[in-house]
């Protein structure tokens, strides 16, 4: 059996293009393992570049390239002009990371069925990652505290929650449109349970905000029922979950106070470096000069807020690029709202809103794994919205059952 047929794409697909798609789905599956994910991502981009050179793929433009390019240019300038150029090489790598979006979108546009292949692998990734975290939670029996949280195949619990948050929303929204799918039911249950067990409040908040936005846009009357049900669920939750939620409102709690002090220090940094920031990776170095005396930590990796971190680190234009990216993507979702691929527009809104809301308390835009899963989903969703295929007209169709 040919590689193209194994991937569920047309037999006439050129072999190098099929290999590029193979590398891409390898990247999706390995998103929890950053080194493996990076290898597959760069192999995808290299092979896509080769295919473009050989004219096996047709290049195409999308407006989202603009904010990504703007973010790259501003980040590079900030790194070059910073007083301490400790991250100049890292900003070269940033360009490589961002090129994954056009590479994926060009593949989806040239081989439309490859978007289904990518979605199937995303399902596998989500269920595998959640299952990995659940097994890890069981293995940590007797050590279920904030110092022993699950990390899955990632290096940190925040990265795991940043991967599970969009995955859980993808499964949830698509399940609402196809409740008979066993795969989606399993995905909903496993990803949501694993997300809860990360004890990551920012991810929980992102999920709540995303669901609230979807309810307002689609079923506004249901919001009246959702609020009391949510309060009841929190009230009846097991003590560890209830305590974790209630701790969000205690400003004297160490991690909460730490974020407040980081925000205050970040605003002071912005006042001194408004245009290009202090330079990528330099916030960690200058933070001790701006922190208040009662800040819990002397040194921090970042400011735990996308807006403040981007402005303080890379300048106001980097923040504009980030906001412009979100706006343009949501505009694409608005165009697909109510159309033949409306469920993917709903997925896009949920994911974008959730990641932005969680990013108010965590610098998830700077986490490589989370950054890539965001670009991957943006590319998949845009491909579904802009060029719906005939079999997508069936409301219960999530993945094609037959070939083209």
Protein backbone atom coordinates (compact mmCIF):
# COMPACT_ATOMS: atom_id res chain seq x y z
CA UNK A 1 0.00 0.00 0.00
CA UNK A 2 1.37 3.42 -0.95
CA UNK A 3 2.23 6.06 1.62
CA UNK A 4 -0.48 8.36 0.22
CA UNK A 5 -3.18 5.73 0.73
CA UNK A 6 -1.95 5.00 4.26
CA UNK A 7 -2.25 8.70 5.04
CA UNK A 8 -5.77 8.88 3.63
CA UNK A 9 -4.85 11.26 0.82
CA UNK A 10 -5.21 10.84 -2.98
CA UNK A 11 -2.99 8.23 -4.61
CA UNK A 12 -1.71 10.77 -7.13
CA UNK A 13 -0.17 12.89 -4.36
CA UNK A 14 3.58 13.25 -5.13
CA UNK A 15 5.76 11.19 -2.80
CA UNK A 16 7.69 14.19 -1.38
CA UNK A 17 4.38 15.90 -0.51
CA UNK A 18 3.15 12.73 1.20
CA UNK A 19 6.40 12.57 3.16
CA UNK A 20 5.93 16.19 4.26
CA UNK A 21 2.43 15.30 5.52
CA UNK A 22 3.86 12.25 7.30
CA UNK A 23 6.42 14.45 9.07
CA UNK A 24 3.67 16.88 10.01
CA UNK A 25 1.45 14.31 11.68
CA UNK A 26 4.56 13.02 13.44
CA UNK A 27 5.00 16.52 14.82
CA UNK A 28 1.39 16.59 16.02
CA UNK A 29 1.69 13.28 17.85
CA UNK A 30 4.98 14.27 19.52
CA UNK A 31 3.83 17.71 20.72
CA UNK A 32 4.34 16.71 24.35
CA UNK A 33 7.96 15.79 23.66
CA UNK A 34 9.46 19.10 22.60
CA UNK A 35 12.68 17.75 21.04
CA UNK A 36 10.88 15.15 18.91
CA UNK A 37 8.17 17.65 17.99
CA UNK A 38 10.79 20.16 16.89
CA UNK A 39 12.57 17.58 14.75
CA UNK A 40 9.37 16.59 12.95
CA UNK A 41 8.31 20.24 12.59
CA UNK A 42 11.57 21.28 10.96
CA UNK A 43 11.53 18.18 8.74
CA UNK A 44 8.01 19.20 7.67
CA UNK A 45 9.15 22.72 6.83
CA UNK A 46 12.25 21.47 5.00
CA UNK A 47 10.27 18.98 2.93
CA UNK A 48 7.53 21.54 2.22
CA UNK A 49 10.23 23.96 1.08
CA UNK A 50 11.68 21.28 -1.20
CA UNK A 51 8.24 20.60 -2.65
CA UNK A 52 7.71 24.31 -3.29
CA UNK A 53 11.09 24.46 -5.01
CA UNK A 54 10.18 21.47 -7.18
CA UNK A 55 6.74 23.04 -7.83
CA UNK A 56 4.99 20.07 -6.32
CA UNK A 57 3.15 22.49 -4.04
CA UNK A 58 1.62 25.82 -4.95
CA UNK A 59 2.51 28.66 -2.55
CA UNK A 60 -0.31 30.76 -1.16
CA UNK A 61 -0.80 33.77 1.09
CA UNK A 62 -2.95 34.24 4.16
CA UNK A 63 -3.46 37.44 6.12
CA UNK A 64 -2.31 35.75 9.34
CA UNK A 65 1.20 35.67 7.87
CA UNK A 66 1.30 39.43 8.51
CA UNK A 67 1.10 39.46 12.34
CA UNK A 68 3.42 36.46 12.52
CA UNK A 69 6.00 38.25 10.35
CA UNK A 70 5.52 41.42 12.36
CA UNK A 71 6.10 39.50 15.60
CA UNK A 72 9.26 37.96 14.15
CA UNK A 73 10.69 41.27 12.91
CA UNK A 74 10.00 43.08 16.18
CA UNK A 75 11.42 40.20 18.24
CA UNK A 76 14.58 40.13 16.14
CA UNK A 77 15.05 43.90 16.45
CA UNK A 78 14.45 43.71 20.18
CA UNK A 79 17.09 40.97 20.52
CA UNK A 80 19.65 42.81 18.39
CA UNK A 81 19.19 46.21 20.03
CA UNK A 82 18.92 44.97 23.61
CA UNK A 83 21.63 45.90 26.08
CA UNK A 84 22.23 42.18 26.70
CA UNK A 85 22.05 40.12 23.49
CA UNK A 86 21.74 36.74 25.18
CA UNK A 87 18.91 35.49 22.98
CA UNK A 88 19.80 36.61 19.45
CA UNK A 89 20.16 33.03 18.20
CA UNK A 90 16.89 32.11 19.88
CA UNK A 91 15.07 34.68 17.76
CA UNK A 92 16.41 33.03 14.62
CA UNK A 93 14.79 29.81 15.88
CA UNK A 94 11.56 31.77 16.40
CA UNK A 95 11.32 32.33 12.65
CA UNK A 96 11.61 28.58 12.16
CA UNK A 97 8.80 27.98 14.64
CA UNK A 98 6.48 30.46 12.95
CA UNK A 99 7.13 29.02 9.47
CA UNK A 100 5.26 25.92 10.58
CA UNK A 101 1.95 27.76 10.10
CA UNK A 102 2.40 28.58 6.38
CA UNK A 103 3.93 25.15 5.75
CA UNK A 104 0.89 23.42 7.29
CA UNK A 105 -1.64 25.69 5.60
CA UNK A 106 -0.02 25.21 2.17
CA UNK A 107 -0.14 21.42 2.66
CA UNK A 108 -3.82 21.58 3.64
CA UNK A 109 -4.67 23.79 0.68
CA UNK A 110 -2.84 21.65 -1.85
CA UNK A 111 -3.98 18.31 -0.41
CA UNK A 112 -7.40 19.05 1.16
CA UNK A 113 -7.84 15.56 2.65
CA UNK A 114 -4.64 16.02 4.65
CA UNK A 115 -6.59 18.20 7.08
CA UNK A 116 -8.57 15.09 8.06
CA UNK A 117 -5.34 13.16 8.53
CA UNK A 118 -4.09 15.92 10.81
CA UNK A 119 -7.35 15.94 12.79
CA UNK A 120 -7.21 12.16 13.25
CA UNK A 121 -3.68 12.46 14.60
CA UNK A 122 -4.75 15.33 16.84
CA UNK A 123 -7.42 13.02 18.30
CA UNK A 124 -4.76 10.37 18.94
CA UNK A 125 -2.46 12.97 20.49
CA UNK A 126 -5.19 14.31 22.79
CA UNK A 127 -6.29 10.88 24.03
CA UNK A 128 -2.71 9.66 24.42
CA UNK A 129 -1.60 12.77 26.31
CA UNK A 130 -4.60 12.62 28.63
CA UNK A 131 -4.08 8.90 29.18
CA UNK A 132 -0.40 9.46 29.94
CA UNK A 133 -1.32 12.07 32.53
CA UNK A 134 -3.99 9.85 34.12
CA UNK A 135 -1.58 6.93 34.45
CA UNK A 136 0.96 9.31 35.96
CA UNK A 137 -1.63 10.53 38.46
CA UNK A 138 -2.35 6.95 39.53
CA UNK A 139 1.38 6.26 39.84
CA UNK A 140 1.72 9.29 42.14
CA UNK A 141 -0.72 7.78 44.65
CA UNK A 142 -0.07 9.31 48.05
CA UNK A 143 1.69 12.36 46.54
CA UNK A 144 -1.22 14.31 45.12
CA UNK A 145 -0.18 17.84 46.10
CA UNK A 146 0.98 20.97 44.29
CA UNK A 147 4.58 19.82 44.53
CA UNK A 148 3.83 16.55 42.74
CA UNK A 149 1.51 17.48 39.91
CA UNK A 150 1.29 15.48 36.71
CA UNK A 151 3.37 16.64 33.75
CA UNK A 152 2.47 13.97 31.20
CA UNK A 153 5.17 13.61 28.57
CA UNK A 154 6.04 17.30 29.01
CA UNK A 155 8.65 18.78 31.31
CA UNK A 156 6.24 20.94 33.33
CA UNK A 157 2.64 20.83 34.48
CA UNK A 158 1.91 24.24 32.90
CA UNK A 159 2.95 22.87 29.50
CA UNK A 160 0.74 19.82 29.97
CA UNK A 161 -2.26 21.97 30.90
CA UNK A 162 -1.49 24.25 27.95
CA UNK A 163 -1.74 21.23 25.63
CA UNK A 164 -4.79 19.69 27.29
CA UNK A 165 -6.80 22.93 27.33
CA UNK A 166 -7.18 23.29 23.52
CA UNK A 167 -7.46 19.51 23.11
CA UNK A 168 -10.34 19.33 25.60
CA UNK A 169 -12.22 22.11 23.80
CA UNK A 170 -11.70 20.52 20.38
CA UNK A 171 -13.19 17.26 21.66
CA UNK A 172 -16.01 19.04 23.49
CA UNK A 173 -17.20 21.23 20.61
CA UNK A 174 -16.97 18.48 18.00
CA UNK A 175 -18.72 16.03 20.34
CA UNK A 176 -21.64 18.45 20.69
CA UNK A 177 -22.03 18.19 16.92
CA UNK A 178 -21.57 14.41 16.79
CA UNK A 179 -22.62 12.85 20.11
CA UNK A 180 -22.59 9.32 18.69
CA UNK A 181 -18.82 9.30 18.15
CA UNK A 182 -17.12 6.97 20.65
CA UNK A 183 -13.75 8.58 19.91
CA UNK A 184 -15.07 12.02 20.78
CA UNK A 185 -16.78 10.78 23.93
CA UNK A 186 -13.53 9.16 25.08
CA UNK A 187 -11.62 12.32 24.19
CA UNK A 188 -14.00 14.56 26.12
CA UNK A 189 -13.88 12.40 29.27
CA UNK A 190 -10.14 11.78 29.28
CA UNK A 191 -8.91 15.28 28.39
CA UNK A 192 -11.26 17.00 30.82
CA UNK A 193 -10.35 14.68 33.68
CA UNK A 194 -6.64 15.06 32.99
CA UNK A 195 -7.02 18.84 32.77
CA UNK A 196 -8.72 18.87 36.17
CA UNK A 197 -5.94 16.76 37.66
CA UNK A 198 -3.27 19.26 36.59
CA UNK A 199 -4.66 21.62 39.26
CA UNK A 200 -3.81 24.50 36.91
CA UNK A 201 -6.16 27.39 37.70
CA UNK A 202 -5.26 29.46 34.63
CA UNK A 203 -6.23 26.55 32.35
CA UNK A 204 -9.46 26.03 34.27
CA UNK A 205 -10.27 29.72 33.91
CA UNK A 206 -9.48 29.60 30.18
CA UNK A 207 -11.91 26.69 29.75
CA UNK A 208 -14.66 28.47 31.70
CA UNK A 209 -14.29 31.68 29.70
CA UNK A 210 -14.29 29.79 26.39
CA UNK A 211 -17.43 27.83 27.26
CA UNK A 212 -19.12 31.00 28.52
CA UNK A 213 -18.35 32.79 25.24
CA UNK A 214 -19.73 29.89 23.21
CA UNK A 215 -22.90 29.84 25.31
CA UNK A 216 -23.36 33.59 24.84
CA UNK A 217 -22.87 33.29 21.07
CA UNK A 218 -24.94 30.14 20.49
CA UNK A 219 -27.24 29.49 23.44
CA UNK A 220 -27.44 32.68 25.56
CA UNK A 221 -30.40 31.37 27.55
CA UNK A 222 -28.34 28.36 28.63
CA UNK A 223 -25.92 30.68 30.44
CA UNK A 224 -28.58 31.27 33.08
CA UNK A 225 -28.48 27.54 33.87
CA UNK A 226 -24.72 27.21 33.48
CA UNK A 227 -23.87 29.69 36.24
CA UNK A 228 -25.80 27.97 39.08
CA UNK A 229 -24.71 24.56 37.81
CA UNK A 230 -21.11 25.73 37.87
CA UNK A 231 -21.45 27.05 41.41
CA UNK A 232 -23.05 23.78 42.48
CA UNK A 233 -20.28 21.75 40.85
CA UNK A 234 -17.62 23.78 42.66
CA UNK A 235 -19.47 23.49 45.98
CA UNK A 236 -19.73 19.69 45.67
CA UNK A 237 -16.24 19.20 44.28
CA UNK A 238 -13.72 17.10 46.24
CA UNK A 239 -11.82 19.15 48.79
CA UNK A 240 -8.53 19.41 46.80
CA UNK A 241 -10.35 20.92 43.79
CA UNK A 242 -12.57 23.14 45.95
CA UNK A 243 -9.56 24.47 47.88
CA UNK A 244 -7.66 25.12 44.66
CA UNK A 245 -10.56 27.16 43.24
CA UNK A 246 -11.10 29.14 46.46
CA UNK A 247 -7.36 29.88 46.71
CA UNK A 248 -7.68 31.93 43.51
CA UNK A 249 -9.31 34.72 45.52
CA UNK A 250 -6.69 34.86 48.28
CA UNK A 251 -4.28 37.65 47.35
CA UNK A 252 -2.02 36.74 50.26
CA UNK A 253 -1.50 33.25 48.91
CA UNK A 254 2.10 32.97 47.69
CA UNK A 255 1.52 32.27 43.98
CA UNK A 256 -1.25 34.89 43.76
CA UNK A 257 0.87 37.56 45.43
CA UNK A 258 3.76 36.58 43.21
CA UNK A 259 1.69 37.26 40.07
CA UNK A 260 0.52 40.61 41.41
CA UNK A 261 4.10 41.65 42.11
CA UNK A 262 5.18 40.42 38.68
CA UNK A 263 2.49 42.52 37.02
CA UNK A 264 3.56 45.59 39.02
CA UNK A 265 7.21 45.06 38.14
CA UNK A 266 6.28 44.45 34.51
CA UNK A 267 4.47 47.77 34.30
CA UNK A 268 7.55 49.53 35.66
CA UNK A 269 9.73 47.80 33.07
CA UNK A 270 7.32 48.89 30.33
CA UNK A 271 7.58 52.50 31.49
CA UNK A 272 11.36 52.35 31.07
CA UNK A 273 11.44 50.27 27.87
CA UNK A 274 8.16 50.89 26.02
CA UNK A 275 9.26 50.56 22.39
CA UNK A 276 11.40 47.42 22.12
CA UNK A 277 11.34 46.11 25.67
CA UNK A 278 14.38 44.81 27.53
CA UNK A 279 14.99 42.11 24.93
CA UNK A 280 14.00 38.44 24.68
CA UNK A 281 15.01 36.38 27.75
CA UNK A 282 16.15 39.52 29.59
CA UNK A 283 13.11 39.92 31.85
CA UNK A 284 14.51 37.21 34.08
CA UNK A 285 17.71 39.23 34.48
CA UNK A 286 16.17 42.66 35.12
CA UNK A 287 13.24 41.58 37.28
CA UNK A 288 15.22 41.73 40.56
CA UNK A 289 15.79 45.45 39.87
CA UNK A 290 12.04 46.13 39.67
CA UNK A 291 10.52 43.67 42.14
CA UNK A 292 8.99 44.86 45.39
CA UNK A 293 10.57 43.75 48.62
CA UNK A 294 7.69 41.42 49.52
CA UNK A 295 7.62 39.58 46.19
CA UNK A 296 7.82 35.83 47.00
CA UNK A 297 10.50 35.09 44.41
CA UNK A 298 13.70 36.98 43.71
CA UNK A 299 14.14 35.60 40.18
CA UNK A 300 11.40 34.46 37.81
CA UNK A 301 11.41 32.86 34.34
CA UNK A 302 8.77 35.30 32.99
CA UNK A 303 5.95 37.58 34.13
CA UNK A 304 3.12 35.02 33.86
CA UNK A 305 1.01 37.24 31.60
CA UNK A 306 1.11 37.31 27.80
CA UNK A 307 0.26 41.00 27.48
CA UNK A 308 2.68 42.31 30.10
CA UNK A 309 5.46 39.87 29.20
CA UNK A 310 5.39 40.62 25.47
CA UNK A 311 5.37 44.37 26.00
CA UNK A 312 8.06 44.35 28.69
CA UNK A 313 10.25 41.86 26.83
CA UNK A 314 9.80 42.73 23.14
CA UNK A 315 8.06 46.09 23.08
CA UNK A 316 4.67 47.50 22.21
CA UNK A 317 4.75 46.36 18.57
CA UNK A 318 5.16 42.74 19.66
CA UNK A 319 2.02 43.13 21.76
CA UNK A 320 0.23 44.68 18.78
CA UNK A 321 1.28 41.71 16.62
CA UNK A 322 -0.05 39.26 19.24
CA UNK A 323 -3.41 41.07 19.49
CA UNK A 324 -3.59 41.42 15.69
CA UNK A 325 -3.03 37.66 15.32
CA UNK A 326 -5.91 36.93 17.68
CA UNK A 327 -8.18 39.44 15.93
CA UNK A 328 -7.51 38.14 12.42
CA UNK A 329 -8.03 34.53 13.45
CA UNK A 330 -11.32 35.33 15.20
CA UNK A 331 -12.37 37.22 12.08
CA UNK A 332 -11.78 34.05 10.05
CA UNK A 333 -13.93 32.14 12.53
CA UNK A 334 -16.66 34.79 12.26
CA UNK A 335 -16.69 34.31 8.48
CA UNK A 336 -17.23 30.58 8.91
CA UNK A 337 -19.84 30.95 11.64
CA UNK A 338 -23.11 29.39 10.51
CA UNK A 339 -21.54 27.95 7.34
CA UNK A 340 -20.95 24.31 6.36
CA UNK A 341 -17.90 24.15 8.64
CA UNK A 342 -19.42 26.13 11.51
CA UNK A 343 -18.32 23.55 14.09
CA UNK A 344 -14.71 24.30 13.25
CA UNK A 345 -15.38 28.02 13.57
CA UNK A 346 -16.76 27.29 17.03
CA UNK A 347 -13.66 25.25 17.86
CA UNK A 348 -11.50 28.16 16.70
CA UNK A 349 -13.32 30.70 18.87
CA UNK A 350 -13.17 28.38 21.89
CA UNK A 351 -9.45 27.67 21.52
CA UNK A 352 -8.44 31.29 20.83
CA UNK A 353 -10.51 32.66 23.73
CA UNK A 354 -9.37 29.95 26.15
CA UNK A 355 -5.67 30.39 25.39
CA UNK A 356 -5.93 34.18 25.60
CA UNK A 357 -7.78 34.01 28.93
CA UNK A 358 -5.33 31.49 30.38
CA UNK A 359 -2.53 33.68 29.06
CA UNK A 360 -3.55 36.46 31.41
CA UNK A 361 -2.06 34.36 34.23
CA UNK A 362 0.59 32.38 32.38
CA UNK A 363 2.98 33.18 29.52
CA UNK A 364 1.64 30.36 27.35
CA UNK A 365 2.45 32.22 24.12
CA UNK A 366 6.13 31.80 24.98
CA UNK A 367 5.92 28.06 25.61
CA UNK A 368 7.16 26.30 22.45
CA UNK A 369 4.80 23.32 22.72
CA UNK A 370 1.77 25.51 23.42
CA UNK A 371 2.75 28.03 20.74
CA UNK A 372 2.95 25.25 18.17
CA UNK A 373 -0.33 23.58 19.10
CA UNK A 374 -1.96 27.00 18.72
CA UNK A 375 -0.50 27.46 15.22
CA UNK A 376 -1.39 23.88 14.29
CA UNK A 377 -5.02 24.36 15.28
CA UNK A 378 -5.17 27.77 13.61
CA UNK A 379 -3.98 26.20 10.34
CA UNK A 380 -6.36 23.21 10.54
CA UNK A 381 -9.36 25.36 11.43
CA UNK A 382 -8.67 27.93 8.71
CA UNK A 383 -8.32 25.14 6.14
CA UNK A 384 -11.71 23.71 7.13
CA UNK A 385 -13.41 27.10 7.17
CA UNK A 386 -12.10 28.54 3.92
CA UNK A 387 -12.46 25.44 1.75
CA UNK A 388 -15.18 23.13 3.08
CA UNK A 389 -15.45 19.78 1.34
CA UNK A 390 -18.81 18.31 0.24
CA UNK A 391 -18.92 15.63 2.96
CA UNK A 392 -18.61 18.35 5.60
CA UNK A 393 -22.17 19.37 4.78
CA UNK A 394 -23.42 16.50 6.92
CA UNK A 395 -23.77 17.80 10.49
CA UNK A 396 -22.62 14.51 12.00
CA UNK A 397 -19.51 14.30 9.82
CA UNK A 398 -16.35 15.00 11.80
CA UNK A 399 -13.94 12.91 9.75
CA UNK A 400 -14.54 11.42 6.32
CA UNK A 401 -15.65 7.81 6.27
CA UNK A 402 -14.47 7.20 2.72
CA UNK A 403 -11.89 8.50 0.35
CA UNK A 404 -12.37 11.43 -2.03
